Protein backbone atom coordinates (compact mmCIF):
# COMPACT_ATOMS: atom_id res chain seq x y z
CA MET A 1 -8.02 4.86 -10.47
CA PHE A 2 -10.00 6.82 -13.50
CA LEU A 3 -12.54 5.06 -15.98
CA SER A 4 -12.51 6.23 -19.57
CA HIS A 5 -16.45 5.97 -19.81
CA PRO A 6 -19.22 5.70 -16.98
CA ALA A 7 -20.60 2.39 -18.24
CA VAL A 8 -16.75 1.01 -17.32
CA GLY A 9 -16.72 -1.43 -14.43
CA ALA A 10 -18.30 -3.34 -11.72
CA ARG A 11 -22.19 -3.17 -11.31
CA TYR A 12 -24.28 -4.78 -8.72
CA ASP A 13 -28.28 -4.93 -8.57
CA LEU A 14 -28.32 -5.84 -4.88
CA HIS A 15 -26.62 -3.88 -2.29
CA ALA A 16 -25.68 -6.64 -0.54
CA MET A 17 -23.54 -7.47 -3.40
CA LEU A 18 -22.17 -4.19 -3.63
CA ILE A 19 -21.29 -3.65 0.49
CA GLU A 20 -19.47 -7.07 0.51
CA ALA A 21 -17.30 -5.51 -2.57
CA ALA A 22 -16.16 -2.71 -0.61
CA LEU A 23 -15.89 -4.70 2.44
CA ALA A 24 -13.22 -7.19 0.30
CA GLY A 25 -11.76 -3.51 -1.54
CA LEU A 26 -13.21 -3.28 -4.58
CA GLY A 27 -14.05 0.01 -4.66
CA VAL A 28 -17.00 1.99 -2.97
CA ALA A 29 -20.21 1.87 -2.55
CA LEU A 30 -23.54 4.10 -2.18
CA VAL A 31 -26.12 2.81 -0.24
CA PRO A 32 -28.57 3.83 2.34
CA ARG A 33 -27.00 4.31 5.69
CA LEU A 34 -29.16 1.75 7.58
CA TYR A 35 -27.58 -0.99 5.70
CA VAL A 36 -24.09 -0.45 6.53
CA GLU A 37 -24.67 0.73 10.27
CA THR A 38 -22.78 -2.09 12.39
CA GLU A 39 -19.87 -2.04 9.63
CA LEU A 40 -19.45 1.79 10.62
CA ALA A 41 -19.84 0.91 13.97
CA GLN A 42 -16.77 -1.64 13.52
CA GLY A 43 -15.21 0.63 11.19
CA ARG A 44 -15.13 -1.92 8.74
CA LEU A 45 -16.02 0.66 6.80
CA VAL A 46 -15.76 4.90 6.63
CA ALA A 47 -18.09 7.32 5.09
CA PRO A 48 -16.51 10.18 3.61
CA TRP A 49 -19.15 12.42 5.00
CA SER A 50 -21.12 12.39 8.44
CA GLN A 51 -24.21 12.94 6.89
CA GLY A 52 -25.87 11.93 3.89
CA LYS A 53 -27.85 13.74 1.02
CA ALA A 54 -31.51 13.88 1.10
CA VAL A 55 -33.20 12.90 -2.02
CA SER A 56 -35.70 10.43 -2.17
CA LYS A 57 -34.04 8.05 -0.08
CA THR A 58 -30.57 8.49 1.77
CA PHE A 59 -27.41 7.06 0.68
CA CYS A 60 -24.04 6.36 1.93
CA LEU A 61 -20.57 5.79 0.13
CA VAL A 62 -18.31 3.86 2.04
CA LEU A 63 -15.09 1.83 1.45
CA ALA A 64 -13.01 0.07 2.99
CA GLU A 65 -10.50 1.19 5.59
CA LEU A 66 -7.03 1.54 3.67
CA SER A 67 -4.22 0.74 5.87
CA VAL A 68 -0.73 2.11 5.30
């Protein structure tokens, strides 16, 4: 799905809400990896890249595992 404008779509202020949305299959989450280590280890979320890109904080893009 492509958004016509970057301001379109759900926005969450809390990392926990963003993670829950990703777990529910509602999109992707860009969050600090330490917040999703358990979900990644359990295979409930997947990270498309093994390492995050270092900025002032480290974030990890995660999404629900899709069943085909």
